[in-house]
Amino acid sequence: MTLWTFAQAAILALCLGCAGASTQGATSVENANQAASDLRKSITALQAAHSATDRIATLTETIRAYEAGLSALREALRAASVREAAIKGGFDKRRDQIGQILGVMTAMQSAPGPLLLLHPSGPLGTARSGMILSAVTPALQAQADGLKAELVEIRNIRALQLETVGLLQQGLATVQSARTALAEAIQKRTALPKRYLQDPEELRTLTDNADTLDAFALGLSKLESDIGPPVADFAGAKGTLPLPVFGTLLRRAGEADAAGIVRPGLLLATRPAALVTTPWPATIRYRGPLLDYGNVMILEPASGYLLVLAGMETVYGETGDVLVAGAPVGMMGGKDTAEAALATGTQQGSGADRQETLYIELRDHGETIDPGQWFAETKEN
């Protein structure tokens, strides 16, 4: 390969390397900063919620806002960390290219002038040498500017990670206090409307004799209630409901788990101590432990429909309570302590931020139907 063609190839490689530095990386820090700002606002709202008049509604709303902000921040930090790794990988890949070009330039500059005139190409060779220098210099300058921008980006990512440690620790302390206050406020609640549902003794017998969730839910659907649901058009809300908890979909209805067991509901992975809310106005038909599902909450969002939420550590309310949409119905188990570790990247991609699982099942007049079609985040077109 001649000096000219080698320099052309090296310049092309440098330009391709610059093009590979995606502009998406520039937005990763901006997204993380925006998420951090949103999280700060929710922390401020949490602190103010302790003295709100309607403490249950306000605490629920602000805890959910905190969890949404935390989720966004975690995803933004993940993207920033991935971007940082990509930049470092780009440095390693381009180190040899930059060294080769610098070697070519050094060789050309150190060559005596008369030798260029004695080149077999004569004056044409001299002209080509000048063209090489004029083409290489701007490319190297552009590459240097790009490397400088990437180094600044890495610096900003590191600064953001250090700042986030304190932010997450502050948020963790505040949200834990708010969760405690929410539980206390729910225990003291006395004005919630109630409905007659069934004879308590019948429900107790059904619970004692249930050997599967399917049998229990089917039996529960046959126990009479006095009047219709709070809002009748539950079927019309199909595909629009929010998930009852912030989480990641692990399995859809009908998908087998690692043991080959197939269930008719959704399984969500959630963070420890995540708040669970009702996605639609509903009446509590059952709440409490059931078989090996942990605490189970069964809601009646419409006549004939039963929404089953299983796997919570704590459940709120009593059988017969009439709940508005977004009302808290329980909290996932575990201890919420992993936020600060995330900011340093120690849990990137480890799955440690999803330690609890919530099972969601939906029934229509005793028959199981796919609950994924009711939620905006899990519906399949």
Protein backbone atom coordinates (compact mmCIF):
# COMPACT_ATOMS: atom_id res chain seq x y z
CA MET A 1 0.00 0.00 0.00
CA THR A 2 1.41 3.40 -0.98
CA LEU A 3 1.70 6.29 1.44
CA TRP A 4 -1.20 8.05 -0.31
CA THR A 5 -3.64 5.13 -0.27
CA PHE A 6 -2.71 4.29 3.32
CA ALA A 7 -3.45 7.84 4.43
CA GLN A 8 -6.75 7.81 2.54
CA ALA A 9 -7.81 4.59 4.24
CA ALA A 10 -6.79 5.89 7.67
CA ILE A 11 -8.70 9.14 7.18
CA LEU A 12 -11.80 7.20 6.09
CA ALA A 13 -11.53 4.99 9.17
CA LEU A 14 -11.31 8.06 11.38
CA CYS A 15 -14.38 9.61 9.76
CA LEU A 16 -16.32 6.40 10.22
CA GLY A 17 -15.23 6.32 13.85
CA CYS A 18 -16.55 9.84 14.34
CA ALA A 19 -19.85 8.92 12.68
CA GLY A 20 -20.21 5.97 15.03
CA ALA A 21 -20.36 8.28 18.03
CA SER A 22 -24.16 8.38 18.13
CA THR A 23 -25.90 11.61 18.98
CA GLN A 24 -28.13 9.51 21.21
CA GLY A 25 -25.29 9.47 23.71
CA ALA A 26 -25.46 13.23 24.05
CA THR A 27 -29.04 12.94 25.24
CA SER A 28 -28.38 10.23 27.84
CA VAL A 29 -26.98 12.72 30.35
CA GLU A 30 -29.80 15.17 29.57
CA ASN A 31 -32.40 12.45 30.18
CA ALA A 32 -30.75 11.49 33.45
CA ASN A 33 -30.64 15.11 34.58
CA GLN A 34 -34.33 15.53 33.74
CA ALA A 35 -35.21 12.34 35.62
CA ALA A 36 -33.20 13.53 38.61
CA SER A 37 -35.06 16.85 38.52
CA ASP A 38 -38.41 15.04 38.45
CA LEU A 39 -37.31 12.87 41.36
CA ARG A 40 -36.37 15.94 43.40
CA LYS A 41 -39.86 17.36 42.82
CA SER A 42 -41.50 14.14 44.00
CA ILE A 43 -39.31 14.12 47.13
CA THR A 44 -40.44 17.66 47.91
CA ALA A 45 -44.05 16.59 47.37
CA LEU A 46 -43.54 13.59 49.67
CA GLN A 47 -42.28 15.83 52.42
CA ALA A 48 -45.31 18.10 52.04
CA ALA A 49 -47.77 15.19 51.85
CA HIS A 50 -47.38 14.35 55.54
CA SER A 51 -49.49 17.36 56.48
CA ALA A 52 -52.04 17.14 53.66
CA THR A 53 -55.73 17.06 54.48
CA ASP A 54 -56.45 13.90 52.49
CA ARG A 55 -53.28 12.14 53.53
CA ILE A 56 -54.10 8.78 51.95
CA ALA A 57 -54.75 10.18 48.47
CA THR A 58 -51.85 12.62 48.65
CA LEU A 59 -49.35 10.12 50.03
CA THR A 60 -50.41 7.54 47.46
CA GLU A 61 -50.04 9.99 44.60
CA THR A 62 -46.64 11.24 45.71
CA ILE A 63 -45.26 7.78 46.49
CA ARG A 64 -46.27 6.69 43.00
CA ALA A 65 -44.66 9.85 41.59
CA TYR A 66 -41.48 9.00 43.48
CA GLU A 67 -41.50 5.44 42.14
CA ALA A 68 -42.08 6.74 38.60
CA GLY A 69 -39.24 9.23 38.96
CA LEU A 70 -36.97 6.59 40.43
CA SER A 71 -37.73 4.21 37.57
CA ALA A 72 -36.99 6.91 35.00
CA LEU A 73 -33.77 7.87 36.75
CA ARG A 74 -32.57 4.28 36.92
CA GLU A 75 -33.21 3.79 33.20
CA ALA A 76 -31.49 7.08 32.36
CA LEU A 77 -28.48 6.16 34.47
CA ARG A 78 -28.31 2.79 32.78
CA ALA A 79 -28.29 4.50 29.39
CA ALA A 80 -25.59 6.91 30.58
CA SER A 81 -23.44 4.05 31.84
CA VAL A 82 -23.86 2.19 28.56
CA ARG A 83 -22.86 5.37 26.75
CA GLU A 84 -19.79 5.73 28.96
CA ALA A 85 -18.72 2.17 28.18
CA ALA A 86 -19.26 2.79 24.45
CA ILE A 87 -17.07 5.89 24.56
CA LYS A 88 -14.30 4.02 26.33
CA GLY A 89 -14.58 1.18 23.85
CA GLY A 90 -14.34 3.69 21.01
CA PHE A 91 -11.16 5.10 22.51
CA ASP A 92 -9.57 1.67 22.49
CA LYS A 93 -10.65 0.90 18.93
CA ARG A 94 -9.41 4.20 17.50
CA ARG A 95 -6.12 4.31 19.38
CA ASP A 96 -4.33 2.27 16.69
CA GLN A 97 -5.89 4.27 13.85
CA ILE A 98 -4.78 7.57 15.35
CA GLY A 99 -1.30 6.18 15.96
CA GLN A 100 -1.02 5.01 12.35
CA ILE A 101 -1.97 8.39 10.95
CA LEU A 102 0.41 10.20 13.27
CA GLY A 103 3.12 7.81 12.12
CA VAL A 104 2.39 8.63 8.45
CA MET A 105 2.53 12.36 9.17
CA THR A 106 5.77 12.02 11.08
CA ALA A 107 7.31 10.03 8.24
CA MET A 108 6.29 12.65 5.69
CA GLN A 109 7.50 15.59 7.76
CA SER A 110 10.86 13.99 8.48
CA ALA A 111 11.53 13.18 4.81
CA PRO A 112 14.13 15.62 3.23
CA GLY A 113 12.69 17.95 0.64
CA PRO A 114 15.06 17.02 -2.24
CA LEU A 115 14.09 13.35 -1.93
CA LEU A 116 10.52 14.25 -2.74
CA LEU A 117 11.70 15.87 -5.97
CA LEU A 118 13.66 12.73 -6.83
CA HIS A 119 10.59 10.54 -6.32
CA PRO A 120 9.73 8.50 -9.43
CA SER A 121 6.56 10.55 -9.71
CA GLY A 122 8.55 13.74 -9.68
CA PRO A 123 6.54 16.93 -9.01
CA LEU A 124 3.34 14.89 -8.93
CA GLY A 125 4.59 13.06 -5.85
CA THR A 126 5.35 16.36 -4.16
CA ALA A 127 1.84 17.60 -4.92
CA ARG A 128 0.34 14.45 -3.54
CA SER A 129 2.32 14.85 -0.31
CA GLY A 130 0.89 18.34 0.12
CA MET A 131 -2.61 17.06 -0.53
CA ILE A 132 -2.12 14.34 2.08
CA LEU A 133 -1.10 16.88 4.74
CA SER A 134 -3.98 19.23 3.89
CA ALA A 135 -6.49 16.35 4.09
CA VAL A 136 -5.13 14.71 7.24
CA THR A 137 -4.84 17.85 9.37
CA PRO A 138 -8.58 18.79 9.39
CA ALA A 139 -9.55 15.16 9.96
CA LEU A 140 -7.24 14.91 12.96
CA GLN A 141 -8.55 18.22 14.32
CA ALA A 142 -12.13 16.99 13.99
CA GLN A 143 -11.17 13.77 15.70
CA ALA A 144 -9.49 15.68 18.52
CA ASP A 145 -12.60 17.84 18.98
CA GLY A 146 -14.76 14.71 19.06
CA LEU A 147 -12.55 13.04 21.64
CA LYS A 148 -12.64 16.18 23.77
CA ALA A 149 -16.46 16.24 23.66
CA GLU A 150 -16.60 12.58 24.63
CA LEU A 151 -14.23 13.14 27.54
CA VAL A 152 -16.46 15.99 28.72
CA GLU A 153 -19.45 13.67 28.44
CA ILE A 154 -17.74 11.04 30.58
CA ARG A 155 -16.95 13.72 33.15
CA ASN A 156 -20.61 14.78 33.21
CA ILE A 157 -21.77 11.18 33.61
CA ARG A 158 -19.42 10.65 36.55
CA ALA A 159 -20.56 13.91 38.16
CA LEU A 160 -24.19 12.90 37.71
CA GLN A 161 -23.56 9.51 39.30
CA LEU A 162 -21.90 11.10 42.33
CA GLU A 163 -24.73 13.62 42.71
CA THR A 164 -27.35 10.90 42.36
CA VAL A 165 -26.00 8.94 45.33
CA GLY A 166 -27.08 11.70 47.70
CA LEU A 167 -30.36 12.26 45.85
CA LEU A 168 -31.32 8.59 46.06
CA GLN A 169 -30.40 8.33 49.72
CA GLN A 170 -32.54 11.38 50.49
CA GLY A 171 -35.41 9.99 48.46
CA LEU A 172 -35.16 6.57 50.10
CA ALA A 173 -35.42 8.04 53.60
CA THR A 174 -38.33 10.26 52.61
CA VAL A 175 -40.35 7.58 50.81
CA GLN A 176 -39.88 5.09 53.63
CA SER A 177 -41.31 7.66 56.02
CA ALA A 178 -44.18 8.31 53.60
CA ARG A 179 -44.94 4.58 53.30
CA THR A 180 -45.15 4.32 57.08
CA ALA A 181 -47.41 7.36 57.23
CA LEU A 182 -49.62 5.88 54.50
CA ALA A 183 -50.05 2.61 56.40
CA GLU A 184 -50.97 4.51 59.58
CA ALA A 185 -53.45 6.72 57.71
CA ILE A 186 -55.15 3.68 56.16
CA GLN A 187 -55.47 1.99 59.56
CA LYS A 188 -57.17 5.09 60.96
CA ARG A 189 -59.51 5.49 58.00
CA THR A 190 -63.17 5.19 59.02
CA ALA A 191 -65.23 7.01 56.38
CA LEU A 192 -64.76 4.60 53.46
CA PRO A 193 -68.06 3.45 51.90
CA LYS A 194 -68.83 -0.24 52.22
CA ARG A 195 -71.07 -2.77 50.53
CA TYR A 196 -72.64 -5.96 51.71
CA LEU A 197 -70.99 -8.80 49.80
CA GLN A 198 -71.52 -12.19 51.40
CA ASP A 199 -71.95 -13.98 54.69
CA PRO A 200 -68.54 -13.83 56.47
CA GLU A 201 -68.97 -17.45 57.46
CA GLU A 202 -69.41 -18.48 53.84
CA LEU A 203 -66.26 -16.62 52.88
CA ARG A 204 -64.35 -18.23 55.76
CA THR A 205 -65.50 -21.67 54.69
CA LEU A 206 -64.53 -20.97 51.10
CA THR A 207 -61.07 -19.82 52.18
CA ASP A 208 -60.51 -22.86 54.41
CA ASN A 209 -61.59 -25.32 51.73
CA ALA A 210 -59.83 -23.77 48.76
CA ASP A 211 -57.11 -25.95 47.28
CA THR A 212 -56.32 -23.78 44.25
CA LEU A 213 -56.64 -20.11 43.37
CA ASP A 214 -58.89 -21.11 40.49
CA ALA A 215 -61.34 -22.92 42.77
CA PHE A 216 -61.33 -20.07 45.28
CA ALA A 217 -61.95 -17.38 42.67
CA LEU A 218 -64.69 -19.43 41.04
CA GLY A 219 -66.40 -19.95 44.39
CA LEU A 220 -66.03 -16.29 45.26
CA SER A 221 -67.66 -15.20 42.02
CA LYS A 222 -70.75 -17.21 42.99
CA LEU A 223 -71.17 -15.43 46.33
CA GLU A 224 -73.74 -12.70 45.86
CA SER A 225 -73.21 -8.98 46.34
CA ASP A 226 -75.96 -6.47 46.93
CA ILE A 227 -75.53 -3.87 44.16
CA GLY A 228 -73.48 -3.20 41.07
CA PRO A 229 -69.90 -1.91 40.87
CA PRO A 230 -68.90 1.75 41.26
CA VAL A 231 -68.40 2.18 37.50
CA ALA A 232 -70.09 -0.16 35.02
CA ASP A 233 -68.03 0.38 31.86
CA PHE A 234 -65.00 -1.64 32.89
CA ALA A 235 -65.08 -3.56 29.59
CA GLY A 236 -64.88 -0.26 27.69
CA ALA A 237 -61.61 0.55 29.45
CA LYS A 238 -59.88 -2.44 27.89
CA GLY A 239 -56.35 -1.56 26.80
CA THR A 240 -56.19 1.73 28.74
CA LEU A 241 -55.67 0.79 32.39
CA PRO A 242 -52.40 1.56 34.19
CA LEU A 243 -50.56 -1.34 35.76
CA PRO A 244 -51.25 -1.62 39.50
CA VAL A 245 -47.52 -1.43 40.27
CA PHE A 246 -44.36 -0.15 38.60
CA GLY A 247 -42.61 -3.23 37.29
CA THR A 248 -41.27 -5.28 34.42
CA LEU A 249 -43.29 -7.95 32.64
CA LEU A 250 -41.79 -11.39 33.31
CA ARG A 251 -44.42 -13.66 31.81
CA ARG A 252 -47.64 -13.22 29.91
CA ALA A 253 -50.76 -15.27 30.36
CA GLY A 254 -50.24 -18.83 29.18
CA GLU A 255 -46.43 -18.69 29.23
CA ALA A 256 -44.70 -21.47 31.14
CA ASP A 257 -42.25 -20.69 33.93
CA ALA A 258 -38.92 -22.45 34.52
CA ALA A 259 -40.75 -25.42 36.08
CA GLY A 260 -43.10 -25.71 33.12
CA ILE A 261 -46.10 -24.39 35.06
CA VAL A 262 -48.55 -22.38 32.98
CA ARG A 263 -50.75 -19.75 34.63
CA PRO A 264 -53.54 -17.67 33.08
CA GLY A 265 -52.27 -14.37 34.46
CA LEU A 266 -49.44 -11.86 34.17
CA LEU A 267 -46.32 -11.94 36.32
CA LEU A 268 -44.58 -8.64 37.01
CA ALA A 269 -41.18 -8.14 38.60
CA THR A 270 -41.21 -5.16 40.96
CA ARG A 271 -38.86 -3.30 43.23
CA PRO A 272 -38.97 -4.11 46.94
CA ALA A 273 -41.64 -2.20 48.90
CA ALA A 274 -43.35 -0.98 45.71
CA LEU A 275 -46.85 0.40 46.25
CA VAL A 276 -49.75 -1.50 44.63
CA THR A 277 -52.89 0.42 43.66
CA THR A 278 -56.20 -0.45 42.05
CA PRO A 279 -56.27 0.53 38.36
CA TRP A 280 -60.06 1.00 38.32
CA PRO A 281 -62.77 1.84 40.89
CA ALA A 282 -63.54 -1.45 42.62
CA THR A 283 -64.94 -3.24 45.64
CA ILE A 284 -62.74 -5.50 47.75
CA ARG A 285 -64.15 -9.01 47.57
CA TYR A 286 -61.31 -10.67 49.48
CA ARG A 287 -58.02 -9.69 51.06
CA GLY A 288 -55.60 -11.83 53.02
CA PRO A 289 -53.29 -14.86 52.74
CA LEU A 290 -54.28 -17.64 50.37
CA LEU A 291 -52.46 -20.92 49.74
CA ASP A 292 -48.87 -20.27 48.64
CA TYR A 293 -49.65 -16.98 46.87
CA GLY A 294 -48.86 -14.83 49.88
CA ASN A 295 -51.34 -12.04 50.48
CA VAL A 296 -54.06 -11.90 47.86
CA MET A 297 -56.33 -8.99 47.00
CA ILE A 298 -59.42 -9.78 44.91
CA LEU A 299 -61.21 -6.73 43.53
CA GLU A 300 -64.54 -6.45 41.73
CA PRO A 301 -64.13 -3.66 39.15
CA ALA A 302 -67.45 -4.47 37.47
CA SER A 303 -70.28 -6.90 37.82
CA GLY A 304 -69.01 -10.37 36.98
CA TYR A 305 -65.35 -9.33 36.82
CA LEU A 306 -62.74 -10.23 39.43
CA LEU A 307 -59.22 -8.80 39.42
CA VAL A 308 -56.77 -10.93 41.40
CA LEU A 309 -53.53 -9.42 42.74
CA ALA A 310 -51.27 -11.91 44.52
CA GLY A 311 -47.82 -11.77 46.09
CA MET A 312 -47.95 -8.67 48.28
CA GLU A 313 -46.43 -8.60 51.74
CA THR A 314 -49.03 -6.15 53.09
CA VAL A 315 -52.63 -5.58 52.00
CA TYR A 316 -54.81 -2.61 52.90
CA GLY A 317 -58.53 -2.31 53.46
CA GLU A 318 -61.32 -4.70 54.40
CA THR A 319 -63.76 -6.86 52.51
CA GLY A 320 -66.60 -4.66 51.27
CA ASP A 321 -64.56 -1.46 51.00
CA VAL A 322 -65.39 0.59 47.90
CA LEU A 323 -62.20 2.03 46.42
CA VAL A 324 -61.58 4.78 43.89
CA ALA A 325 -59.16 4.28 41.02
CA GLY A 326 -55.57 4.63 42.19
CA ALA A 327 -56.35 3.74 45.81
CA PRO A 328 -53.58 1.81 47.61
CA VAL A 329 -54.37 -1.87 48.12
CA GLY A 330 -51.02 -3.20 49.30
CA MET A 331 -47.26 -3.11 49.25
CA MET A 332 -44.68 -5.53 47.94
CA GLY A 333 -42.24 -7.20 50.29
CA GLY A 334 -38.52 -6.71 50.72
CA LYS A 335 -36.43 -3.81 51.88
CA ASP A 336 -35.89 -0.89 49.55
CA THR A 337 -32.14 -0.28 49.90
CA ALA A 338 -30.62 -0.58 46.43
CA GLU A 339 -30.99 2.97 45.08
CA ALA A 340 -27.61 4.33 46.17
CA ALA A 341 -25.73 1.31 44.82
CA LEU A 342 -27.20 1.92 41.38
CA ALA A 343 -25.62 5.32 41.03
CA THR A 344 -22.15 3.79 41.16
CA GLY A 345 -23.10 1.21 38.55
CA THR A 346 -22.67 -1.78 40.86
CA GLN A 347 -26.01 -3.28 39.86
CA GLN A 348 -26.19 -2.50 36.19
CA GLY A 349 -27.94 -5.29 34.38
CA SER A 350 -27.81 -7.58 37.41
CA GLY A 351 -31.58 -7.67 37.89
CA ALA A 352 -31.12 -6.83 41.56
CA ASP A 353 -33.58 -3.95 41.25
CA ARG A 354 -36.43 -6.41 40.55
CA GLN A 355 -36.65 -8.73 43.55
CA GLU A 356 -40.41 -9.12 44.09
CA THR A 357 -43.17 -10.48 41.85
CA LEU A 358 -46.84 -9.58 41.57
CA TYR A 359 -49.24 -12.01 39.91
CA ILE A 360 -52.27 -10.51 38.13
CA GLU A 361 -55.28 -12.51 37.04
CA LEU A 362 -58.60 -11.37 35.55
CA ARG A 363 -61.86 -13.31 35.49
CA ASP A 364 -65.11 -12.70 33.67
CA HIS A 365 -68.06 -14.58 35.25
CA GLY A 366 -65.73 -17.25 36.56
CA GLU A 367 -63.69 -17.70 33.36
CA THR A 368 -60.07 -16.59 33.23
CA ILE A 369 -59.25 -14.08 30.50
CA ASP A 370 -55.96 -12.49 29.46
CA PRO A 371 -55.40 -9.50 31.78
CA GLY A 372 -52.65 -8.18 29.52
CA GLN A 373 -55.26 -6.88 27.09
CA TRP A 374 -56.66 -4.52 29.75
CA PHE A 375 -53.42 -2.69 30.55
CA ALA A 376 -51.89 -0.06 28.30
CA GLU A 377 -48.35 -1.31 28.93
CA THR A 378 -49.00 -4.99 28.26
CA LYS A 379 -51.68 -5.07 25.59
CA GLU A 380 -50.74 -6.77 22.35
CA ASN A 381 -51.95 -5.27 19.09
